[in-house]
Protein backbone atom coordinates (compact mmCIF):
# COMPACT_ATOMS: atom_id res chain seq x y z
CA UNK A 1 -68.39 -273.56 -194.39
CA UNK A 2 -65.66 -272.16 -196.63
CA UNK A 3 -64.78 -268.47 -196.27
CA UNK A 4 -62.72 -266.32 -198.63
CA UNK A 5 -61.46 -262.86 -197.65
CA UNK A 6 -60.30 -260.61 -200.48
CA UNK A 7 -58.47 -257.37 -199.80
CA UNK A 8 -55.32 -256.64 -197.82
CA UNK A 9 -53.20 -258.06 -195.06
CA UNK A 10 -50.86 -255.88 -193.05
CA UNK A 11 -48.41 -255.82 -190.18
CA UNK A 12 -49.89 -253.98 -187.20
CA UNK A 13 -47.83 -251.91 -184.79
CA UNK A 14 -50.44 -251.48 -182.05
CA UNK A 15 -50.50 -249.29 -178.98
CA UNK A 16 -53.82 -250.27 -177.49
CA UNK A 17 -55.67 -249.66 -174.23
CA UNK A 18 -53.44 -251.89 -172.06
CA UNK A 19 -50.99 -253.56 -174.47
CA UNK A 20 -48.34 -252.69 -177.04
CA UNK A 21 -47.34 -255.24 -179.67
CA UNK A 22 -46.57 -256.00 -183.32
CA UNK A 23 -48.51 -258.73 -185.09
CA UNK A 24 -50.33 -259.66 -188.27
CA UNK A 25 -53.26 -257.34 -188.84
CA UNK A 26 -56.08 -256.49 -191.23
CA UNK A 27 -59.72 -257.60 -191.34
CA UNK A 28 -58.57 -260.72 -193.21
CA UNK A 29 -56.35 -261.87 -190.35
CA UNK A 30 -58.81 -260.98 -187.58
CA UNK A 31 -61.57 -262.81 -189.45
CA UNK A 32 -59.26 -265.80 -189.87
CA UNK A 33 -58.25 -265.78 -186.18
CA UNK A 34 -61.80 -265.79 -184.92
CA UNK A 35 -62.94 -268.44 -187.40
CA UNK A 36 -60.20 -270.75 -186.14
CA UNK A 37 -62.37 -271.03 -183.01
CA UNK A 38 -65.59 -271.75 -184.90
CA UNK A 39 -66.43 -275.37 -185.77
CA UNK A 40 -66.52 -276.50 -189.38
CA UNK A 41 -65.01 -273.34 -190.88
CA UNK A 42 -62.07 -273.01 -193.28
CA UNK A 43 -60.68 -269.69 -194.51
CA UNK A 44 -58.67 -268.49 -197.47
CA UNK A 45 -57.26 -264.98 -197.90
CA UNK A 46 -56.42 -263.30 -201.21
CA UNK A 47 -54.09 -260.34 -200.70
CA UNK A 48 -50.74 -258.81 -201.71
CA UNK A 49 -47.84 -259.24 -199.26
CA UNK A 50 -44.05 -259.33 -199.04
CA UNK A 51 -41.48 -261.69 -197.47
CA UNK A 52 -41.69 -259.73 -194.20
CA UNK A 53 -45.18 -261.20 -193.73
CA UNK A 54 -44.33 -264.88 -194.19
CA UNK A 55 -43.67 -265.50 -190.49
CA UNK A 56 -47.28 -264.53 -189.79
CA UNK A 57 -48.93 -266.96 -192.21
CA UNK A 58 -48.01 -270.30 -190.63
CA UNK A 59 -51.63 -271.06 -189.82
CA UNK A 60 -53.21 -269.01 -192.61
CA UNK A 61 -54.06 -270.07 -196.14
CA UNK A 62 -53.12 -267.12 -198.33
CA UNK A 63 -53.03 -266.60 -202.08
CA UNK A 64 -50.66 -265.97 -203.82
CA UNK A 65 -48.82 -268.79 -202.05
CA UNK A 66 -45.52 -266.90 -202.23
CA UNK A 67 -44.79 -263.19 -201.66
CA UNK A 68 -45.27 -261.06 -204.78
CA UNK A 69 -44.31 -257.69 -203.25
CA UNK A 70 -41.05 -256.41 -201.77
CA UNK A 71 -42.74 -255.33 -198.55
CA UNK A 72 -46.07 -255.62 -196.76
CA UNK A 73 -48.48 -252.84 -195.89
CA UNK A 74 -47.90 -251.62 -192.32
CA UNK A 75 -50.49 -249.95 -190.11
CA UNK A 76 -49.59 -248.12 -186.91
CA UNK A 77 -52.65 -248.04 -184.61
CA UNK A 78 -52.87 -246.01 -181.43
CA UNK A 79 -56.05 -246.62 -179.42
CA UNK A 80 -56.98 -244.45 -176.45
CA UNK A 81 -60.41 -244.41 -174.81
CA UNK A 82 -61.79 -246.32 -177.85
CA UNK A 83 -60.54 -243.59 -180.23
CA UNK A 84 -57.94 -244.73 -182.78
CA UNK A 85 -55.38 -242.78 -184.79
CA UNK A 86 -53.53 -244.48 -187.64
CA UNK A 87 -50.63 -244.30 -190.04
CA UNK A 88 -50.18 -246.50 -193.13
CA UNK A 89 -46.72 -247.31 -194.50
CA UNK A 90 -45.60 -249.29 -197.59
CA UNK A 91 -48.82 -248.43 -199.42
CA UNK A 92 -47.00 -248.60 -202.77
CA UNK A 93 -46.77 -252.39 -202.28
CA UNK A 94 -50.50 -252.85 -201.61
CA UNK A 95 -51.66 -253.10 -205.25
CA UNK A 96 -54.50 -255.51 -205.98
CA UNK A 97 -53.54 -259.11 -206.74
CA UNK A 98 -53.89 -259.72 -210.51
CA UNK A 99 -57.00 -261.73 -211.32
CA UNK A 100 -56.14 -265.32 -212.24
CA UNK A 101 -57.98 -268.57 -212.89
CA UNK A 102 -56.89 -269.74 -209.44
CA UNK A 103 -58.48 -266.68 -207.83
CA UNK A 104 -61.69 -267.23 -209.76
CA UNK A 105 -61.75 -270.85 -208.57
CA UNK A 106 -61.30 -269.77 -204.93
CA UNK A 107 -64.14 -267.26 -205.18
CA UNK A 108 -66.47 -269.70 -206.95
CA UNK A 109 -66.00 -272.34 -204.24
CA UNK A 110 -66.76 -269.98 -201.33
CA UNK A 111 -69.84 -270.06 -199.12
CA UNK A 112 -69.10 -266.61 -197.68
CA UNK A 113 -67.02 -263.89 -199.34
CA UNK A 114 -65.70 -260.86 -197.50
CA UNK A 115 -64.21 -257.95 -199.42
CA UNK A 116 -62.12 -255.97 -196.96
CA UNK A 117 -59.62 -253.46 -198.43
CA UNK A 118 -57.38 -251.27 -196.28
CA UNK A 119 -56.72 -248.70 -199.00
CA UNK A 120 -58.94 -247.60 -201.93
CA UNK A 121 -56.66 -249.30 -204.49
CA UNK A 122 -59.29 -251.83 -205.68
CA UNK A 123 -61.26 -250.40 -208.61
CA UNK A 124 -64.99 -250.99 -209.05
CA UNK A 125 -64.25 -252.79 -212.31
CA UNK A 126 -61.86 -255.20 -210.53
CA UNK A 127 -64.51 -256.08 -207.97
CA UNK A 128 -67.15 -256.56 -210.65
CA UNK A 129 -64.88 -258.99 -212.49
CA UNK A 130 -64.06 -261.09 -209.44
CA UNK A 131 -67.60 -261.15 -208.03
CA UNK A 132 -68.91 -262.51 -211.34
CA UNK A 133 -67.22 -265.77 -210.33
CA UNK A 134 -69.17 -266.13 -207.08
CA UNK A 135 -72.10 -268.50 -206.69
CA UNK A 136 -75.58 -267.02 -206.46
CA UNK A 137 -76.18 -268.67 -203.08
CA UNK A 138 -72.91 -267.45 -201.54
CA UNK A 139 -73.13 -264.71 -198.91
CA UNK A 140 -71.24 -261.57 -199.98
CA UNK A 141 -70.21 -259.00 -197.37
CA UNK A 142 -68.44 -255.69 -197.98
CA UNK A 143 -66.23 -254.12 -195.29
CA UNK A 144 -65.38 -250.84 -197.03
CA UNK A 145 -63.18 -249.10 -194.46
CA UNK A 146 -60.28 -248.73 -196.92
CA UNK A 147 -62.46 -246.67 -199.27
CA UNK A 148 -62.86 -244.05 -196.54
CA UNK A 149 -59.10 -243.51 -196.23
CA UNK A 150 -56.61 -241.13 -197.80
CA UNK A 151 -53.10 -240.48 -196.49
CA UNK A 152 -51.21 -237.24 -195.88
CA UNK A 153 -47.50 -236.54 -196.42
CA UNK A 154 -46.70 -238.06 -193.01
CA UNK A 155 -48.60 -241.29 -193.81
CA UNK A 156 -51.41 -240.39 -191.45
CA UNK A 157 -54.88 -241.71 -192.30
CA UNK A 158 -57.28 -238.93 -193.25
CA UNK A 159 -60.87 -239.02 -194.39
CA UNK A 160 -61.88 -239.88 -197.97
CA UNK A 161 -65.25 -240.00 -199.72
CA UNK A 162 -66.36 -243.44 -200.88
CA UNK A 163 -66.97 -242.35 -204.47
CA UNK A 164 -67.13 -245.92 -205.78
CA UNK A 165 -70.07 -246.88 -203.57
CA UNK A 166 -72.79 -246.65 -206.24
CA UNK A 167 -70.97 -249.21 -208.42
CA UNK A 168 -69.74 -251.54 -205.68
CA UNK A 169 -72.63 -251.78 -203.21
CA UNK A 170 -75.06 -253.69 -205.49
CA UNK A 171 -72.49 -256.51 -205.77
CA UNK A 172 -72.93 -257.41 -202.09
CA UNK A 173 -75.67 -258.71 -199.81
CA UNK A 174 -74.48 -256.66 -196.83
CA UNK A 175 -72.18 -253.74 -196.16
CA UNK A 176 -70.87 -253.48 -192.58
CA UNK A 177 -69.38 -250.20 -191.39
CA UNK A 178 -68.45 -248.49 -188.14
CA UNK A 179 -70.04 -245.19 -187.22
CA UNK A 180 -66.43 -244.00 -186.82
CA UNK A 181 -65.44 -244.71 -190.44
CA UNK A 182 -66.66 -241.32 -191.65
CA UNK A 183 -68.01 -238.18 -190.01
CA UNK A 184 -71.03 -238.29 -192.35
CA UNK A 185 -71.73 -242.00 -191.97
CA UNK A 186 -75.42 -241.40 -191.22
CA UNK A 187 -75.83 -239.70 -194.60
CA UNK A 188 -74.00 -242.53 -196.35
CA UNK A 189 -76.28 -245.09 -194.71
CA UNK A 190 -79.42 -243.20 -195.78
CA UNK A 191 -78.22 -243.23 -199.37
CA UNK A 192 -77.16 -246.89 -199.32
CA UNK A 193 -80.21 -248.62 -197.91
CA UNK A 194 -82.04 -248.71 -201.24
CA UNK A 195 -79.11 -250.59 -202.80
CA UNK A 196 -78.09 -253.13 -200.17
CA UNK A 197 -78.53 -254.19 -196.55
CA UNK A 198 -76.47 -252.01 -194.21
CA UNK A 199 -75.16 -252.80 -190.72
CA UNK A 200 -73.55 -250.09 -188.60
CA UNK A 201 -71.48 -250.94 -185.53
CA UNK A 202 -71.55 -248.35 -182.75
CA UNK A 203 -69.05 -249.57 -180.16
CA UNK A 204 -70.62 -249.88 -176.72
CA UNK A 205 -74.00 -248.88 -178.17
CA UNK A 206 -74.27 -252.11 -180.14
CA UNK A 207 -75.26 -252.25 -183.80
CA UNK A 208 -78.17 -251.52 -186.07
CA UNK A 209 -79.44 -252.84 -189.39
CA UNK A 210 -81.08 -250.80 -192.17
CA UNK A 211 -82.65 -251.91 -195.43
CA UNK A 212 -85.26 -249.85 -197.24
CA UNK A 213 -87.90 -249.15 -194.56
CA UNK A 214 -86.75 -251.79 -192.09
CA UNK A 215 -84.55 -251.02 -189.08
CA UNK A 216 -83.34 -253.35 -186.34
CA UNK A 217 -81.32 -252.02 -183.40
CA UNK A 218 -79.46 -254.47 -181.16
CA UNK A 219 -77.81 -253.12 -177.98
CA UNK A 220 -74.81 -254.66 -176.28
CA UNK A 221 -73.60 -254.72 -172.67
CA UNK A 222 -70.96 -251.96 -172.48
CA UNK A 223 -67.47 -252.77 -171.23
CA UNK A 224 -65.77 -250.21 -169.00
CA UNK A 225 -62.81 -248.57 -170.75
CA UNK A 226 -60.63 -249.59 -167.81
CA UNK A 227 -61.50 -253.24 -168.46
CA UNK A 228 -60.75 -253.23 -172.22
CA UNK A 229 -57.49 -255.05 -172.92
CA UNK A 230 -57.46 -254.53 -176.68
CA UNK A 231 -60.14 -253.15 -179.01
CA UNK A 232 -58.16 -253.53 -182.26
CA UNK A 233 -60.01 -255.81 -184.66
CA UNK A 234 -63.28 -255.89 -182.72
CA UNK A 235 -65.26 -254.59 -185.71
CA UNK A 236 -63.77 -257.27 -187.96
CA UNK A 237 -64.61 -259.93 -185.40
CA UNK A 238 -68.19 -258.62 -185.29
CA UNK A 239 -68.39 -258.88 -189.09
CA UNK A 240 -67.00 -262.41 -189.14
CA UNK A 241 -69.41 -263.54 -186.43
CA UNK A 242 -72.38 -261.99 -188.20
CA UNK A 243 -71.46 -263.64 -191.50
CA UNK A 244 -71.10 -267.04 -189.84
CA UNK A 245 -74.42 -266.89 -188.01
CA UNK A 246 -76.39 -265.36 -190.87
CA UNK A 247 -75.16 -267.97 -193.36
CA UNK A 248 -76.44 -270.64 -190.95
CA UNK A 249 -79.73 -269.08 -189.86
CA UNK A 250 -80.71 -266.29 -192.31
CA UNK A 251 -81.97 -264.47 -189.19
CA UNK A 252 -80.84 -260.83 -188.96
CA UNK A 253 -81.70 -260.24 -185.30
CA UNK A 254 -80.12 -263.45 -183.99
CA UNK A 255 -77.03 -262.87 -186.12
CA UNK A 256 -76.57 -259.33 -184.79
CA UNK A 257 -76.96 -260.56 -181.21
CA UNK A 258 -74.41 -263.31 -181.82
CA UNK A 259 -71.96 -260.86 -183.40
CA UNK A 260 -72.30 -258.41 -180.50
CA UNK A 261 -71.61 -261.19 -178.01
CA UNK A 262 -68.49 -262.50 -179.74
CA UNK A 263 -67.05 -259.03 -180.37
CA UNK A 264 -67.63 -258.07 -176.73
CA UNK A 265 -65.84 -261.19 -175.46
CA UNK A 266 -62.77 -260.34 -177.52
CA UNK A 267 -62.30 -256.98 -175.80
CA UNK A 268 -60.87 -258.82 -172.79
CA UNK A 269 -57.95 -260.36 -174.72
CA UNK A 270 -54.97 -259.23 -176.74
CA UNK A 271 -55.78 -259.61 -180.43
CA UNK A 272 -53.30 -262.45 -180.98
CA UNK A 273 -54.63 -264.53 -178.07
CA UNK A 274 -58.41 -264.41 -178.49
CA UNK A 275 -60.63 -266.75 -176.48
CA UNK A 276 -64.36 -267.01 -176.94
CA UNK A 277 -67.36 -269.03 -175.85
CA UNK A 278 -69.87 -269.65 -178.63
CA UNK A 279 -73.39 -268.73 -177.55
């Protein structure tokens, strides 16, 4: 199974429930980390980055193969009682990678494609162009968290409306969001379900699936806040696990259960030392 993640990478400065550290971040890197523990999976990331990120890509295939920006996007994440506050720095270096024949080839050879931006820099037209290269049978998953983010004068993340949704959603088989991505997420989901299949993660309440008139709710076994080592990246790990299982089985319920299980296991480890048992 070959996976391509398009979007952003970043350097994370994390103050989490029981750990403080700096490491490679972004959905792309968390997806890559968890897939390194799955059998028969290879990953490729397409994202802008600078020379300050090269020490983090030793075990990551990333395109372009050399830095094309002066610096890399930085996110500062502070997690407390499962609530996260964020700042984003170096956003001026996070422009979309120019579309090339090499990029088109990477997309066209992918079994599963994740689009996971961390800022709203990717235009709907850009995504339309690149997704034209994908195979009809490939699984296409949108993780739109970056489209819900604006930034104030102190680089703090503030809420944005996902105005591009009507154009972008039909390009994907699934959109996966957190109920924390926007204060009006329920309204977004109601409007989206006629366009694409929607999965909403709800932390210790599990996840649910909506498409047209069909709803599937899958609970999870909650983890006590005192027992959570690090929750950063858990939503990305859920998304990666769902994509893997759904590509194999085409079973929504089993894929949600699998994703809940893997994401829950990862709460007991620091994000750069994940250990899981496939179930």
